[in-house]
Amino acid sequence: MSILETILVFVAIPLAIYGFFALVTLRSKFASRPRYRPGQAWDYPPAWWTANPEGAGEHHAGDADGDATPSTVRGGASGNW
């Protein structure tokens, strides 16, 4: 095996493989929109997210007459149920 073949097998081929994967993984980074950075103006409408949309607001259990009674639902960040 010559020096040229040795360099090709042990240097050039691994560099080509690493280069291919680097291009594939960095491609989306260069093609995407610029990211928001603190201090920049926020040009998008607010988006509120919750896992339980019905429980996001004040929850009252009502009877057939429409009288609302306070809910006894408990929970929260403290973990009291």
PDB file of N, CA and C in Angstrom:
ATOM      1  N   MET A   1       0.852  -1.166   0.000  1.00  0.00           N
ATOM      2  CA  MET A   1       0.000   0.000   0.000  1.00  0.00           C
ATOM      3  C   MET A   1       0.903   1.236   0.000  1.00  0.00           C
ATOM      4  N   SER A   2       0.637   2.161  -0.911  1.00  0.00           N
ATOM      5  CA  SER A   2       1.472   3.361  -1.011  1.00  0.00           C
ATOM      6  C   SER A   2       1.040   4.413   0.008  1.00  0.00           C
ATOM      7  N   ILE A   3       1.849   5.460   0.150  1.00  0.00           N
ATOM      8  CA  ILE A   3       1.537   6.563   1.061  1.00  0.00           C
ATOM      9  C   ILE A   3       0.262   7.269   0.607  1.00  0.00           C
ATOM     10  N   LEU A   4       0.105   7.457  -0.670  1.00  0.00           N
ATOM     11  CA  LEU A   4      -1.086   8.116  -1.201  1.00  0.00           C
ATOM     12  C   LEU A   4      -2.354   7.326  -0.865  1.00  0.00           C
ATOM     13  N   GLU A   5      -2.326   6.033  -1.040  1.00  0.00           N
ATOM     14  CA  GLU A   5      -3.483   5.198  -0.696  1.00  0.00           C
ATOM     15  C   GLU A   5      -3.753   5.223   0.803  1.00  0.00           C
ATOM     16  N   THR A   6      -2.714   5.226   1.603  1.00  0.00           N
ATOM     17  CA  THR A   6      -2.875   5.266   3.058  1.00  0.00           C
ATOM     18  C   THR A   6      -3.525   6.574   3.497  1.00  0.00           C
ATOM     19  N   ILE A   7      -3.050   7.680   2.964  1.00  0.00           N
ATOM     20  CA  ILE A   7      -3.639   8.988   3.296  1.00  0.00           C
ATOM     21  C   ILE A   7      -5.088   9.049   2.823  1.00  0.00           C
ATOM     22  N   LEU A   8      -5.348   8.517   1.649  1.00  0.00           N
ATOM     23  CA  LEU A   8      -6.713   8.516   1.122  1.00  0.00           C
ATOM     24  C   LEU A   8      -7.654   7.728   2.034  1.00  0.00           C
ATOM     25  N   VAL A   9      -7.245   6.559   2.466  1.00  0.00           N
ATOM     26  CA  VAL A   9      -8.106   5.689   3.272  1.00  0.00           C
ATOM     27  C   VAL A   9      -8.267   6.234   4.694  1.00  0.00           C
ATOM     28  N   PHE A  10      -7.184   6.676   5.320  1.00  0.00           N
ATOM     29  CA  PHE A  10      -7.238   7.056   6.723  1.00  0.00           C
ATOM     30  C   PHE A  10      -7.472   8.540   6.989  1.00  0.00           C
ATOM     31  N   VAL A  11      -7.371   9.392   5.967  1.00  0.00           N
ATOM     32  CA  VAL A  11      -7.560  10.830   6.176  1.00  0.00           C
ATOM     33  C   VAL A  11      -8.695  11.374   5.305  1.00  0.00           C
ATOM     34  N   ALA A  12      -8.592  11.187   4.001  1.00  0.00           N
ATOM     35  CA  ALA A  12      -9.534  11.822   3.080  1.00  0.00           C
ATOM     36  C   ALA A  12     -10.958  11.272   3.223  1.00  0.00           C
ATOM     37  N   ILE A  13     -11.109   9.975   3.320  1.00  0.00           N
ATOM     38  CA  ILE A  13     -12.450   9.389   3.431  1.00  0.00           C
ATOM     39  C   ILE A  13     -13.124   9.789   4.751  1.00  0.00           C
ATOM     40  N   PRO A  14     -12.457   9.676   5.907  1.00  0.00           N
ATOM     41  CA  PRO A  14     -13.106  10.150   7.140  1.00  0.00           C
ATOM     42  C   PRO A  14     -13.428  11.647   7.113  1.00  0.00           C
ATOM     43  N   LEU A  15     -12.563  12.477   6.556  1.00  0.00           N
ATOM     44  CA  LEU A  15     -12.864  13.907   6.447  1.00  0.00           C
ATOM     45  C   LEU A  15     -14.073  14.152   5.548  1.00  0.00           C
ATOM     46  N   ALA A  16     -14.199  13.401   4.481  1.00  0.00           N
ATOM     47  CA  ALA A  16     -15.363  13.552   3.611  1.00  0.00           C
ATOM     48  C   ALA A  16     -16.646  13.161   4.340  1.00  0.00           C
ATOM     49  N   ILE A  17     -16.590  12.112   5.138  1.00  0.00           N
ATOM     50  CA  ILE A  17     -17.777  11.681   5.893  1.00  0.00           C
ATOM     51  C   ILE A  17     -18.155  12.740   6.935  1.00  0.00           C
ATOM     52  N   TYR A  18     -17.172  13.233   7.705  1.00  0.00           N
ATOM     53  CA  TYR A  18     -17.444  14.286   8.681  1.00  0.00           C
ATOM     54  C   TYR A  18     -17.951  15.552   8.006  1.00  0.00           C
ATOM     55  N   GLY A  19     -17.391  15.917   6.879  1.00  0.00           N
ATOM     56  CA  GLY A  19     -17.842  17.096   6.142  1.00  0.00           C
ATOM     57  C   GLY A  19     -19.273  16.958   5.656  1.00  0.00           C
ATOM     58  N   PHE A  20     -19.627  15.775   5.174  1.00  0.00           N
ATOM     59  CA  PHE A  20     -21.002  15.531   4.724  1.00  0.00           C
ATOM     60  C   PHE A  20     -21.995  15.720   5.867  1.00  0.00           C
ATOM     61  N   PHE A  21     -21.729  15.105   7.023  1.00  0.00           N
ATOM     62  CA  PHE A  21     -22.644  15.233   8.151  1.00  0.00           C
ATOM     63  C   PHE A  21     -22.666  16.658   8.704  1.00  0.00           C
ATOM     64  N   ALA A  22     -21.558  17.356   8.662  1.00  0.00           N
ATOM     65  CA  ALA A  22     -21.543  18.749   9.100  1.00  0.00           C
ATOM     66  C   ALA A  22     -22.421  19.604   8.204  1.00  0.00           C
ATOM     67  N   LEU A  23     -22.346  19.418   6.909  1.00  0.00           N
ATOM     68  CA  LEU A  23     -23.185  20.179   5.986  1.00  0.00           C
ATOM     69  C   LEU A  23     -24.659  19.857   6.161  1.00  0.00           C
ATOM     70  N   VAL A  24     -24.974  18.600   6.366  1.00  0.00           N
ATOM     71  CA  VAL A  24     -26.374  18.204   6.536  1.00  0.00           C
ATOM     72  C   VAL A  24     -26.954  18.800   7.823  1.00  0.00           C
ATOM     73  N   THR A  25     -26.201  18.785   8.906  1.00  0.00           N
ATOM     74  CA  THR A  25     -26.732  19.287  10.174  1.00  0.00           C
ATOM     75  C   THR A  25     -26.741  20.803  10.251  1.00  0.00           C
ATOM     76  N   LEU A  26     -25.822  21.484   9.612  1.00  0.00           N
ATOM     77  CA  LEU A  26     -25.773  22.942   9.671  1.00  0.00           C
ATOM     78  C   LEU A  26     -26.597  23.612   8.587  1.00  0.00           C
ATOM     79  N   ARG A  27     -27.084  22.872   7.630  1.00  0.00           N
ATOM     80  CA  ARG A  27     -27.847  23.431   6.519  1.00  0.00           C
ATOM     81  C   ARG A  27     -29.077  24.173   7.009  1.00  0.00           C
ATOM     82  N   SER A  28     -29.832  23.586   7.928  1.00  0.00           N
ATOM     83  CA  SER A  28     -31.061  24.229   8.395  1.00  0.00           C
ATOM     84  C   SER A  28     -30.759  25.463   9.231  1.00  0.00           C
ATOM     85  N   LYS A  29     -29.628  25.511   9.887  1.00  0.00           N
ATOM     86  CA  LYS A  29     -29.273  26.674  10.691  1.00  0.00           C
ATOM     87  C   LYS A  29     -29.057  27.898   9.807  1.00  0.00           C
ATOM     88  N   PHE A  30     -28.429  27.713   8.669  1.00  0.00           N
ATOM     89  CA  PHE A  30     -28.159  28.830   7.784  1.00  0.00           C
ATOM     90  C   PHE A  30     -29.376  29.219   6.954  1.00  0.00           C
ATOM     91  N   ALA A  31     -30.312  28.323   6.755  1.00  0.00           N
ATOM     92  CA  ALA A  31     -31.474  28.597   5.915  1.00  0.00           C
ATOM     93  C   ALA A  31     -32.671  29.112   6.712  1.00  0.00           C
ATOM     94  N   SER A  32     -32.629  29.067   8.024  1.00  0.00           N
ATOM     95  CA  SER A  32     -33.801  29.440   8.823  1.00  0.00           C
ATOM     96  C   SER A  32     -33.855  30.945   9.067  1.00  0.00           C
ATOM     97  N   ARG A  33     -34.994  31.374   9.625  1.00  0.00           N
ATOM     98  CA  ARG A  33     -35.182  32.779   9.960  1.00  0.00           C
ATOM     99  C   ARG A  33     -34.265  33.160  11.123  1.00  0.00           C
ATOM    100  N   PRO A  34     -33.967  34.429  11.263  1.00  0.00           N
ATOM    101  CA  PRO A  34     -33.163  34.847  12.414  1.00  0.00           C
ATOM    102  C   PRO A  34     -33.927  34.624  13.714  1.00  0.00           C
ATOM    103  N   ARG A  35     -33.222  34.260  14.754  1.00  0.00           N
ATOM    104  CA  ARG A  35     -33.848  33.976  16.040  1.00  0.00           C
ATOM    105  C   ARG A  35     -34.083  35.262  16.818  1.00  0.00           C
ATOM    106  N   TYR A  36     -35.032  35.188  17.750  1.00  0.00           N
ATOM    107  CA  TYR A  36     -35.295  36.318  18.634  1.00  0.00           C
ATOM    108  C   TYR A  36     -34.185  36.412  19.664  1.00  0.00           C
ATOM    109  N   ARG A  37     -33.702  37.596  19.875  1.00  0.00           N
ATOM    110  CA  ARG A  37     -32.692  37.860  20.889  1.00  0.00           C
ATOM    111  C   ARG A  37     -33.260  38.854  21.885  1.00  0.00           C
ATOM    112  N   PRO A  38     -32.935  38.711  23.167  1.00  0.00           N
ATOM    113  CA  PRO A  38     -33.443  39.666  24.168  1.00  0.00           C
ATOM    114  C   PRO A  38     -33.101  41.103  23.783  1.00  0.00           C
ATOM    115  N   GLY A  39     -34.090  41.973  23.948  1.00  0.00           N
ATOM    116  CA  GLY A  39     -33.903  43.373  23.607  1.00  0.00           C
ATOM    117  C   GLY A  39     -34.470  43.738  22.254  1.00  0.00           C
ATOM    118  N   GLN A  40     -34.744  42.759  21.402  1.00  0.00           N
ATOM    119  CA  GLN A  40     -35.329  43.043  20.100  1.00  0.00           C
ATOM    120  C   GLN A  40     -36.831  43.260  20.250  1.00  0.00           C
ATOM    121  N   ALA A  41     -37.399  43.959  19.299  1.00  0.00           N
ATOM    122  CA  ALA A  41     -38.855  44.144  19.298  1.00  0.00           C
ATOM    123  C   ALA A  41     -39.539  42.819  19.003  1.00  0.00           C
ATOM    124  N   TRP A  42     -40.677  42.583  19.673  1.00  0.00           N
ATOM    125  CA  TRP A  42     -41.454  41.357  19.468  1.00  0.00           C
ATOM    126  C   TRP A  42     -42.612  41.692  18.541  1.00  0.00           C
ATOM    127  N   ASP A  43     -42.571  41.182  17.301  1.00  0.00           N
ATOM    128  CA  ASP A  43     -43.555  41.528  16.278  1.00  0.00           C
ATOM    129  C   ASP A  43     -44.645  40.483  16.108  1.00  0.00           C
ATOM    130  N   TYR A  44     -44.827  39.617  17.070  1.00  0.00           N
ATOM    131  CA  TYR A  44     -45.781  38.521  16.926  1.00  0.00           C
ATOM    132  C   TYR A  44     -46.875  38.654  17.979  1.00  0.00           C
ATOM    133  N   PRO A  45     -48.079  38.141  17.680  1.00  0.00           N
ATOM    134  CA  PRO A  45     -49.151  38.202  18.686  1.00  0.00           C
ATOM    135  C   PRO A  45     -48.835  37.260  19.852  1.00  0.00           C
ATOM    136  N   PRO A  46     -49.343  37.585  21.054  1.00  0.00           N
ATOM    137  CA  PRO A  46     -49.083  36.711  22.198  1.00  0.00           C
ATOM    138  C   PRO A  46     -49.757  35.360  22.014  1.00  0.00           C
ATOM    139  N   ALA A  47     -49.098  34.314  22.434  1.00  0.00           N
ATOM    140  CA  ALA A  47     -49.628  32.957  22.328  1.00  0.00           C
ATOM    141  C   ALA A  47     -49.609  32.334  23.713  1.00  0.00           C
ATOM    142  N   TRP A  48     -50.768  32.106  24.264  1.00  0.00           N
ATOM    143  CA  TRP A  48     -50.877  31.490  25.586  1.00  0.00           C
ATOM    144  C   TRP A  48     -51.112  30.005  25.395  1.00  0.00           C
ATOM    145  N   TRP A  49     -50.447  29.192  26.183  1.00  0.00           N
ATOM    146  CA  TRP A  49     -50.569  27.749  26.074  1.00  0.00           C
ATOM    147  C   TRP A  49     -50.861  27.171  27.439  1.00  0.00           C
ATOM    148  N   THR A  50     -51.747  26.195  27.466  1.00  0.00           N
ATOM    149  CA  THR A  50     -52.030  25.466  28.690  1.00  0.00           C
ATOM    150  C   THR A  50     -52.393  24.036  28.315  1.00  0.00           C
ATOM    151  N   ALA A  51     -52.075  23.116  29.187  1.00  0.00           N
ATOM    152  CA  ALA A  51     -52.399  21.721  28.929  1.00  0.00           C
ATOM    153  C   ALA A  51     -53.878  21.447  29.138  1.00  0.00           C
ATOM    154  N   ASN A  52     -54.561  22.306  29.903  1.00  0.00           N
ATOM    155  CA  ASN A  52     -55.975  22.123  30.202  1.00  0.00           C
ATOM    156  C   ASN A  52     -56.703  23.432  29.918  1.00  0.00           C
ATOM    157  N   PRO A  53     -57.155  23.668  28.675  1.00  0.00           N
ATOM    158  CA  PRO A  53     -57.781  24.950  28.345  1.00  0.00           C
ATOM    159  C   PRO A  53     -59.034  25.243  29.156  1.00  0.00           C
ATOM    160  N   GLU A  54     -59.828  24.211  29.518  1.00  0.00           N
ATOM    161  CA  GLU A  54     -61.034  24.463  30.303  1.00  0.00           C
ATOM    162  C   GLU A  54     -60.691  24.912  31.720  1.00  0.00           C
ATOM    163  N   GLY A  55     -59.578  24.472  32.240  1.00  0.00           N
ATOM    164  CA  GLY A  55     -59.205  24.827  33.599  1.00  0.00           C
ATOM    165  C   GLY A  55     -58.327  26.054  33.693  1.00  0.00           C
ATOM    166  N   ALA A  56     -58.096  26.744  32.570  1.00  0.00           N
ATOM    167  CA  ALA A  56     -57.208  27.898  32.585  1.00  0.00           C
ATOM    168  C   ALA A  56     -57.838  29.097  33.270  1.00  0.00           C
ATOM    169  N   GLY A  57     -59.134  29.274  33.100  1.00  0.00           N
ATOM    170  CA  GLY A  57     -59.805  30.422  33.694  1.00  0.00           C
ATOM    171  C   GLY A  57     -60.439  30.049  35.025  1.00  0.00           C
ATOM    172  N   GLU A  58     -61.306  30.938  35.496  1.00  0.00           N
ATOM    173  CA  GLU A  58     -62.032  30.667  36.731  1.00  0.00           C
ATOM    174  C   GLU A  58     -63.093  29.621  36.435  1.00  0.00           C
ATOM    175  N   HIS A  59     -63.118  28.562  37.187  1.00  0.00           N
ATOM    176  CA  HIS A  59     -64.001  27.437  36.913  1.00  0.00           C
ATOM    177  C   HIS A  59     -65.109  27.404  37.957  1.00  0.00           C
ATOM    178  N   HIS A  60     -66.366  27.433  37.486  1.00  0.00           N
ATOM    179  CA  HIS A  60     -67.525  27.338  38.383  1.00  0.00           C
ATOM    180  C   HIS A  60     -68.410  26.194  37.908  1.00  0.00           C
ATOM    181  N   ALA A  61     -68.832  25.385  38.847  1.00  0.00           N
ATOM    182  CA  ALA A  61     -69.765  24.311  38.526  1.00  0.00           C
ATOM    183  C   ALA A  61     -71.171  24.843  38.695  1.00  0.00           C
ATOM    184  N   GLY A  62     -71.988  24.759  37.668  1.00  0.00           N
ATOM    185  CA  GLY A  62     -73.348  25.286  37.729  1.00  0.00           C
ATOM    186  C   GLY A  62     -74.379  24.170  37.698  1.00  0.00           C
ATOM    187  N   ASP A  63     -75.564  24.460  38.272  1.00  0.00           N
ATOM    188  CA  ASP A  63     -76.639  23.467  38.210  1.00  0.00           C
ATOM    189  C   ASP A  63     -77.547  23.808  37.032  1.00  0.00           C
ATOM    190  N   ALA A  64     -78.658  23.128  36.930  1.00  0.00           N
ATOM    191  CA  ALA A  64     -79.559  23.292  35.790  1.00  0.00           C
ATOM    192  C   ALA A  64     -80.161  24.690  35.741  1.00  0.00           C
ATOM    193  N   ASP A  65     -80.326  25.368  36.882  1.00  0.00           N
ATOM    194  CA  ASP A  65     -80.924  26.712  36.920  1.00  0.00           C
ATOM    195  C   ASP A  65     -79.931  27.779  36.485  1.00  0.00           C
ATOM    196  N   GLY A  66     -78.671  27.442  36.386  1.00  0.00           N
ATOM    197  CA  GLY A  66     -77.663  28.413  35.983  1.00  0.00           C
ATOM    198  C   GLY A  66     -76.967  29.067  37.166  1.00  0.00           C
ATOM    199  N   ASP A  67     -77.304  28.670  38.394  1.00  0.00           N
ATOM    200  CA  ASP A  67     -76.619  29.240  39.553  1.00  0.00           C
ATOM    201  C   ASP A  67     -75.222  28.650  39.631  1.00  0.00           C
ATOM    202  N   ALA A  68     -74.246  29.502  39.714  1.00  0.00           N
ATOM    203  CA  ALA A  68     -72.859  29.047  39.757  1.00  0.00           C
ATOM    204  C   ALA A  68     -72.400  28.944  41.205  1.00  0.00           C
ATOM    205  N   THR A  69     -71.768  27.849  41.527  1.00  0.00           N
ATOM    206  CA  THR A  69     -71.185  27.667  42.858  1.00  0.00           C
ATOM    207  C   THR A  69     -69.676  27.543  42.697  1.00  0.00           C
ATOM    208  N   PRO A  70     -68.921  28.042  43.652  1.00  0.00           N
ATOM    209  CA  PRO A  70     -67.460  27.933  43.534  1.00  0.00           C
ATOM    210  C   PRO A  70     -67.016  26.479  43.430  1.00  0.00           C
ATOM    211  N   SER A  71     -66.018  26.266  42.649  1.00  0.00           N
ATOM    212  CA  SER A  71     -65.482  24.931  42.436  1.00  0.00           C
ATOM    213  C   SER A  71     -64.636  24.497  43.625  1.00  0.00           C
ATOM    214  N   THR A  72     -64.597  23.213  43.878  1.00  0.00           N
ATOM    215  CA  THR A  72     -63.757  22.672  44.938  1.00  0.00           C
ATOM    216  C   THR A  72     -62.480  22.066  44.382  1.00  0.00           C
ATOM    217  N   VAL A  73     -62.178  22.374  43.127  1.00  0.00           N
ATOM    218  CA  VAL A  73     -60.994  21.841  42.482  1.00  0.00           C
ATOM    219  C   VAL A  73     -59.772  22.446  43.156  1.00  0.00           C
ATOM    220  N   ARG A  74     -58.799  21.576  43.513  1.00  0.00           N
ATOM    221  CA  ARG A  74     -57.552  22.053  44.136  1.00  0.00           C
ATOM    222  C   ARG A  74     -56.377  21.509  43.345  1.00  0.00           C
ATOM    223  N   GLY A  75     -55.263  22.059  43.592  1.00  0.00           N
ATOM    224  CA  GLY A  75     -54.065  21.622  42.900  1.00  0.00           C
ATOM    225  C   GLY A  75     -53.130  22.803  42.697  1.00  0.00           C
ATOM    226  N   GLY A  76     -52.177  22.637  41.873  1.00  0.00           N
ATOM    227  CA  GLY A  76     -51.271  23.730  41.582  1.00  0.00           C
ATOM    228  C   GLY A  76     -49.833  23.323  41.751  1.00  0.00           C
ATOM    229  N   ALA A  77     -48.990  24.314  41.812  1.00  0.00           N
ATOM    230  CA  ALA A  77     -47.557  24.069  41.865  1.00  0.00           C
ATOM    231  C   ALA A  77     -47.117  23.428  43.180  1.00  0.00           C
ATOM    232  N   SER A  78     -47.901  23.632  44.238  1.00  0.00           N
ATOM    233  CA  SER A  78     -47.514  23.056  45.516  1.00  0.00           C
ATOM    234  C   SER A  78     -47.802  21.560  45.579  1.00  0.00           C
ATOM    235  N   GLY A  79     -48.644  21.065  44.704  1.00  0.00           N
ATOM    236  CA  GLY A  79     -48.933  19.642  44.645  1.00  0.00           C
ATOM    237  C   GLY A  79     -49.980  19.201  45.655  1.00  0.00           C
ATOM    238  N   ASN A  80     -50.722  20.120  46.242  1.00  0.00           N
ATOM    239  CA  ASN A  80     -51.791  19.756  47.172  1.00  0.00           C
ATOM    240  C   ASN A  80     -53.045  19.371  46.388  1.00  0.00           C
ATOM    241  N   TRP A  81     -53.572  18.182  46.648  1.00  0.00           N
ATOM    242  CA  TRP A  81     -54.750  17.732  45.945  1.00  0.00           C
ATOM    243  C   TRP A  81     -55.847  17.451  46.929  1.00  0.00           C
TER     244      TRP A  81
END
